[in-house]
Amino acid sequence: MLKIKHLVPLLFILLASKASVAQLGFSHEIGIIAGPTAFKSDFGERLDLETNAGNSGIGIGLVHYINFAYRADCNCYTTDNFFNDHFKLRTEISWNRAKLEHIGEWVDASRTSIDADRLRAHNGVSNNLDIGMQLEYFPLSIRSFQAYAYKLAPFVSFGAHYVSYNPQVSTSFGTGDSTNLNNFYAPWSAGNLPEPIDVNSGTTWSIVSSIGVRYKISPVADLMLDLRGQYYFSDWIDGLNHKLESNKHNDWLVWLNFGYIYYLD
């Protein structure tokens, strides 16, 4: 079960910061996002295209924006400066899940070794709950976009998310016992390596960056397309952490999401 309790203190801080910003009169936007994900983990080789495309899943989230270009308390634009006209602050709560398996040459049908059988029998699930903030930069004027000077508004963003992860691991090899390392790929446990399988829940930080575009469909609503990269400060997001040269880096995620954004005031 996801450890939502770990996110409560951070959520309280975010809500408190929003309340303080709201007192300044800035306007707000809310929205929903969803789309396919590709999870880059210790399953398969990191640079293998088939692995990267095959270990996919889904993500969904709720987003909130602080719009510095417009004041809700007076129905007027804010002081015309560069920051107010080109930046928005985005807060997000999201969840993503992906099924994981070993794909590629090491599990090809031509490989008949016991270790190839172990890899084919090994499956996993990444299951993550995020909360965090991103600062979005719009090269074009936010005021002009809201005034229909153009319908497309590209943006880039950067921020940080706090993550509660709850991986799942299973195997159909041997006894089917996922706590028995003899049922998993032997080289992972060779030498002085730590135990490579751990399905305990945990928390970590991640950095998030994205590029996207908004399309205005009405004075109070936009459609959004957003391509995100998310790098976790942990290699246990998928429940597997081995130190072989083929894949010894932390886990990360690519998410293409589609969104609907509504202007509250």
Protein backbone atom coordinates (compact mmCIF):
# COMPACT_ATOMS: atom_id res chain seq x y z
CA MET A 1 0.00 0.00 0.00
CA LEU A 2 1.32 3.46 -0.91
CA LYS A 3 2.58 5.36 2.10
CA ILE A 4 0.41 8.43 1.63
CA LYS A 5 1.20 9.48 5.22
CA HIS A 6 4.70 10.40 4.04
CA LEU A 7 3.19 12.93 1.65
CA VAL A 8 0.88 14.62 4.16
CA PRO A 9 3.48 17.02 5.68
CA LEU A 10 4.62 18.15 2.23
CA LEU A 11 1.01 18.55 1.08
CA PHE A 12 0.32 20.75 4.11
CA ILE A 13 3.29 22.96 3.24
CA LEU A 14 2.12 23.28 -0.36
CA LEU A 15 -1.42 24.22 0.68
CA ALA A 16 -0.07 26.77 3.13
CA SER A 17 2.11 28.33 0.44
CA LYS A 18 -0.86 28.47 -1.92
CA ALA A 19 -2.94 30.23 0.72
CA SER A 20 -0.26 32.88 1.20
CA VAL A 21 0.00 33.42 -2.57
CA ALA A 22 -3.79 33.60 -2.89
CA GLN A 23 -3.78 36.57 -0.52
CA LEU A 24 -1.73 38.44 -3.11
CA GLY A 25 -4.66 38.21 -5.52
CA PHE A 26 -3.14 36.06 -8.28
CA SER A 27 -5.58 33.97 -10.31
CA HIS A 28 -5.75 30.20 -10.37
CA GLU A 29 -6.17 27.35 -12.83
CA ILE A 30 -6.95 23.69 -12.26
CA GLY A 31 -6.76 20.71 -14.57
CA ILE A 32 -6.46 17.00 -15.10
CA ILE A 33 -3.69 15.21 -17.00
CA ALA A 34 -3.37 11.63 -18.24
CA GLY A 35 -1.31 9.67 -20.71
CA PRO A 36 1.10 6.81 -21.45
CA THR A 37 4.42 6.36 -19.63
CA ALA A 38 7.66 4.57 -20.44
CA PHE A 39 9.60 3.41 -17.38
CA LYS A 40 13.39 3.18 -17.63
CA SER A 41 14.56 0.74 -14.99
CA ASP A 42 16.83 -2.23 -14.27
CA PHE A 43 14.53 -4.44 -16.33
CA GLY A 44 16.34 -5.01 -19.62
CA GLU A 45 19.16 -2.85 -20.94
CA ARG A 46 18.78 0.90 -20.59
CA LEU A 47 19.63 1.77 -24.20
CA ASP A 48 17.63 -1.06 -25.76
CA LEU A 49 14.75 0.45 -27.77
CA GLU A 50 12.54 -2.63 -27.42
CA THR A 51 12.91 -2.56 -23.63
CA ASN A 52 12.21 1.16 -23.40
CA ALA A 53 9.09 0.89 -25.55
CA GLY A 54 7.82 -2.33 -23.99
CA ASN A 55 7.93 -1.42 -20.29
CA SER A 56 5.10 1.09 -20.48
CA GLY A 57 2.17 2.10 -18.35
CA ILE A 58 -0.24 4.91 -17.54
CA GLY A 59 -0.21 8.07 -15.48
CA ILE A 60 -2.94 10.41 -14.25
CA GLY A 61 -2.84 13.55 -12.17
CA LEU A 62 -4.46 16.73 -10.89
CA VAL A 63 -2.69 20.04 -11.47
CA HIS A 64 -3.07 23.55 -10.08
CA TYR A 65 -1.52 26.71 -11.52
CA ILE A 66 -0.87 30.12 -10.05
CA ASN A 67 -1.23 32.64 -12.89
CA PHE A 68 0.86 35.70 -12.06
CA ALA A 69 -0.36 37.66 -15.11
CA TYR A 70 -3.89 38.22 -13.84
CA ARG A 71 -5.37 39.38 -10.53
CA ALA A 72 -8.58 37.69 -9.39
CA ASP A 73 -9.37 40.33 -6.77
CA CYS A 74 -9.81 43.12 -9.29
CA ASN A 75 -10.38 41.34 -12.64
CA CYS A 76 -7.33 43.11 -13.99
CA TYR A 77 -3.85 42.32 -15.21
CA THR A 78 -0.97 42.47 -12.73
CA THR A 79 1.98 44.82 -13.01
CA ASP A 80 3.47 44.32 -16.46
CA ASN A 81 6.85 42.73 -15.83
CA PHE A 82 8.72 39.86 -17.44
CA PHE A 83 8.16 37.30 -14.69
CA ASN A 84 4.40 37.86 -14.43
CA ASP A 85 3.95 37.63 -18.19
CA HIS A 86 6.09 34.54 -18.81
CA PHE A 87 5.94 32.24 -15.76
CA LYS A 88 3.36 30.09 -13.98
CA LEU A 89 3.76 27.98 -10.85
CA ARG A 90 2.38 24.45 -11.18
CA THR A 91 1.53 22.15 -8.29
CA GLU A 92 0.70 18.52 -9.02
CA ILE A 93 -0.54 15.35 -7.41
CA SER A 94 -0.15 12.39 -9.76
CA TRP A 95 0.03 8.61 -9.89
CA ASN A 96 1.71 6.34 -12.41
CA ARG A 97 1.93 2.59 -12.84
CA ALA A 98 3.84 0.41 -15.29
CA LYS A 99 4.15 -3.35 -15.82
CA LEU A 100 7.76 -4.45 -16.19
CA GLU A 101 9.40 -7.44 -17.85
CA HIS A 102 12.72 -8.36 -19.38
CA ILE A 103 12.74 -7.73 -23.12
CA GLY A 104 15.53 -8.01 -25.68
CA GLU A 105 18.42 -10.26 -26.59
CA TRP A 106 18.96 -11.79 -23.12
CA VAL A 107 15.51 -13.40 -23.15
CA ASP A 108 15.44 -14.27 -26.85
CA ALA A 109 14.01 -17.72 -27.61
CA SER A 110 17.45 -18.81 -28.85
CA ARG A 111 18.83 -18.50 -25.31
CA THR A 112 18.20 -21.73 -23.39
CA SER A 113 20.26 -21.22 -20.22
CA ILE A 114 18.78 -21.34 -16.71
CA ASP A 115 19.52 -17.64 -16.28
CA ALA A 116 17.61 -16.83 -19.46
CA ASP A 117 14.67 -18.77 -17.99
CA ARG A 118 15.01 -16.80 -14.75
CA LEU A 119 14.83 -13.51 -16.64
CA ARG A 120 11.81 -14.59 -18.67
CA ALA A 121 10.01 -15.62 -15.47
CA HIS A 122 10.72 -12.34 -13.65
CA ASN A 123 8.08 -9.58 -13.74
CA GLY A 124 7.47 -6.42 -11.81
CA VAL A 125 5.24 -3.40 -11.35
CA SER A 126 6.21 0.18 -10.58
CA ASN A 127 3.56 2.02 -8.60
CA ASN A 128 4.25 5.66 -7.66
CA LEU A 129 2.42 8.56 -6.04
CA ASP A 130 3.88 12.04 -6.61
CA ILE A 131 3.39 15.50 -5.19
CA GLY A 132 5.47 18.49 -6.17
CA MET A 133 5.97 21.79 -7.94
CA GLN A 134 7.27 22.97 -11.31
CA LEU A 135 7.97 26.46 -12.60
CA GLU A 136 6.73 26.81 -16.19
CA TYR A 137 8.25 29.30 -18.60
CA PHE A 138 6.23 30.55 -21.59
CA PRO A 139 8.41 32.27 -24.24
CA LEU A 140 5.34 34.06 -25.62
CA SER A 141 3.29 36.53 -23.62
CA ILE A 142 0.75 34.92 -21.26
CA ARG A 143 -1.40 38.07 -21.46
CA SER A 144 -1.48 37.92 -25.26
CA PHE A 145 -2.36 34.22 -25.18
CA GLN A 146 -5.28 34.87 -22.84
CA ALA A 147 -6.41 37.68 -25.16
CA TYR A 148 -6.45 35.32 -28.20
CA ALA A 149 -3.45 36.95 -29.91
CA TYR A 150 -2.48 33.36 -30.72
CA LYS A 151 -3.95 29.95 -29.90
CA LEU A 152 -0.74 28.02 -29.23
CA ALA A 153 1.49 28.77 -26.24
CA PRO A 154 4.62 26.58 -25.91
CA PHE A 155 6.34 26.16 -22.55
CA VAL A 156 9.17 24.43 -20.73
CA SER A 157 9.26 23.57 -17.03
CA PHE A 158 11.53 22.39 -14.27
CA GLY A 159 10.81 21.33 -10.71
CA ALA A 160 10.93 18.67 -8.00
CA HIS A 161 8.53 15.96 -6.86
CA TYR A 162 8.38 13.96 -3.65
CA VAL A 163 7.61 10.33 -4.47
CA SER A 164 6.07 7.47 -2.52
CA TYR A 165 6.87 4.22 -4.34
CA ASN A 166 5.46 0.73 -3.83
CA PRO A 167 7.01 -1.80 -6.26
CA GLN A 168 5.82 -5.34 -6.87
CA VAL A 169 8.01 -8.29 -7.91
CA SER A 170 7.00 -11.77 -9.01
CA THR A 171 8.59 -14.83 -10.62
CA SER A 172 7.30 -18.07 -12.03
CA PHE A 173 10.73 -19.72 -11.92
CA GLY A 174 11.36 -22.63 -9.58
CA THR A 175 9.26 -22.37 -6.46
CA GLY A 176 7.83 -19.01 -7.56
CA ASP A 177 9.06 -17.50 -4.32
CA SER A 178 10.03 -13.86 -4.91
CA THR A 179 12.00 -13.77 -1.64
CA ASN A 180 14.35 -16.55 -2.79
CA LEU A 181 17.25 -15.04 -4.76
CA ASN A 182 17.92 -18.44 -6.36
CA ASN A 183 14.84 -17.82 -8.48
CA PHE A 184 16.38 -14.69 -10.04
CA TYR A 185 19.22 -13.95 -12.47
CA ALA A 186 22.36 -15.33 -10.78
CA PRO A 187 24.92 -12.63 -11.81
CA TRP A 188 22.91 -10.01 -9.87
CA SER A 189 23.82 -11.71 -6.59
CA ALA A 190 27.41 -12.61 -7.46
CA GLY A 191 30.42 -11.19 -5.61
CA ASN A 192 29.88 -8.44 -3.04
CA LEU A 193 26.73 -7.00 -4.58
CA PRO A 194 23.87 -6.14 -2.21
CA GLU A 195 20.68 -8.17 -2.52
CA PRO A 196 19.15 -7.00 -5.80
CA ILE A 197 15.46 -7.54 -4.95
CA ASP A 198 13.56 -5.36 -2.48
CA VAL A 199 9.80 -4.83 -2.61
CA ASN A 200 9.56 -2.59 0.46
CA SER A 201 7.75 0.69 0.00
CA GLY A 202 9.75 3.87 0.33
CA THR A 203 10.00 7.55 -0.45
CA THR A 204 12.45 9.61 -2.46
CA TRP A 205 12.83 12.88 -4.35
CA SER A 206 12.90 13.33 -8.09
CA ILE A 207 13.61 16.12 -10.54
CA VAL A 208 11.09 16.79 -13.28
CA SER A 209 11.46 18.63 -16.56
CA SER A 210 9.06 18.92 -19.47
CA ILE A 211 8.33 20.61 -22.77
CA GLY A 212 4.81 21.22 -23.95
CA VAL A 213 2.21 23.44 -25.52
CA ARG A 214 -1.20 24.83 -24.62
CA TYR A 215 -4.04 25.30 -27.10
CA LYS A 216 -6.77 27.81 -26.22
CA ILE A 217 -10.30 26.47 -26.78
CA SER A 218 -12.22 29.16 -24.86
CA PRO A 219 -11.57 32.23 -22.71
CA VAL A 220 -11.52 30.00 -19.62
CA ALA A 221 -10.11 26.69 -20.90
CA ASP A 222 -6.99 25.27 -22.59
CA LEU A 223 -5.93 21.88 -23.88
CA MET A 224 -2.38 20.85 -23.02
CA LEU A 225 0.19 18.45 -24.45
CA ASP A 226 3.21 17.80 -22.22
CA LEU A 227 6.25 15.53 -22.63
CA ARG A 228 7.97 14.92 -19.28
CA GLY A 229 11.19 13.37 -18.12
CA GLN A 230 11.48 12.44 -14.43
CA TYR A 231 14.69 11.27 -12.75
CA TYR A 232 14.40 9.53 -9.37
CA PHE A 233 17.06 9.80 -6.67
CA SER A 234 16.69 6.07 -6.05
CA ASP A 235 17.24 2.83 -7.97
CA TRP A 236 14.58 0.92 -6.01
CA ILE A 237 11.48 2.33 -7.72
CA ASP A 238 11.03 -0.94 -9.64
CA GLY A 239 12.04 -3.24 -6.73
CA LEU A 240 15.24 -4.21 -8.57
CA ASN A 241 18.69 -2.72 -8.03
CA HIS A 242 21.65 -4.49 -9.60
CA LYS A 243 25.08 -3.02 -10.29
CA LEU A 244 25.92 -4.69 -13.60
CA GLU A 245 27.35 -2.43 -16.29
CA SER A 246 24.29 -3.04 -18.49
CA ASN A 247 22.10 -0.99 -16.17
CA LYS A 248 23.49 0.45 -12.94
CA HIS A 249 21.87 3.90 -12.88
CA ASN A 250 18.83 5.21 -11.02
CA ASP A 251 15.35 4.70 -12.42
CA TRP A 252 13.62 7.34 -14.51
CA LEU A 253 10.35 7.92 -16.34
CA VAL A 254 9.11 9.46 -19.58
CA TRP A 255 5.48 10.56 -19.61
CA LEU A 256 3.47 11.98 -22.53
CA ASN A 257 0.38 13.51 -20.99
CA PHE A 258 -2.69 15.22 -22.33
CA GLY A 259 -4.49 17.75 -20.17
CA TYR A 260 -7.51 19.96 -19.79
CA ILE A 261 -6.94 23.24 -17.90
CA TYR A 262 -9.74 25.43 -16.55
CA TYR A 263 -9.32 29.04 -15.37
CA LEU A 264 -11.03 29.53 -12.02
CA ASP A 265 -10.98 33.33 -11.91
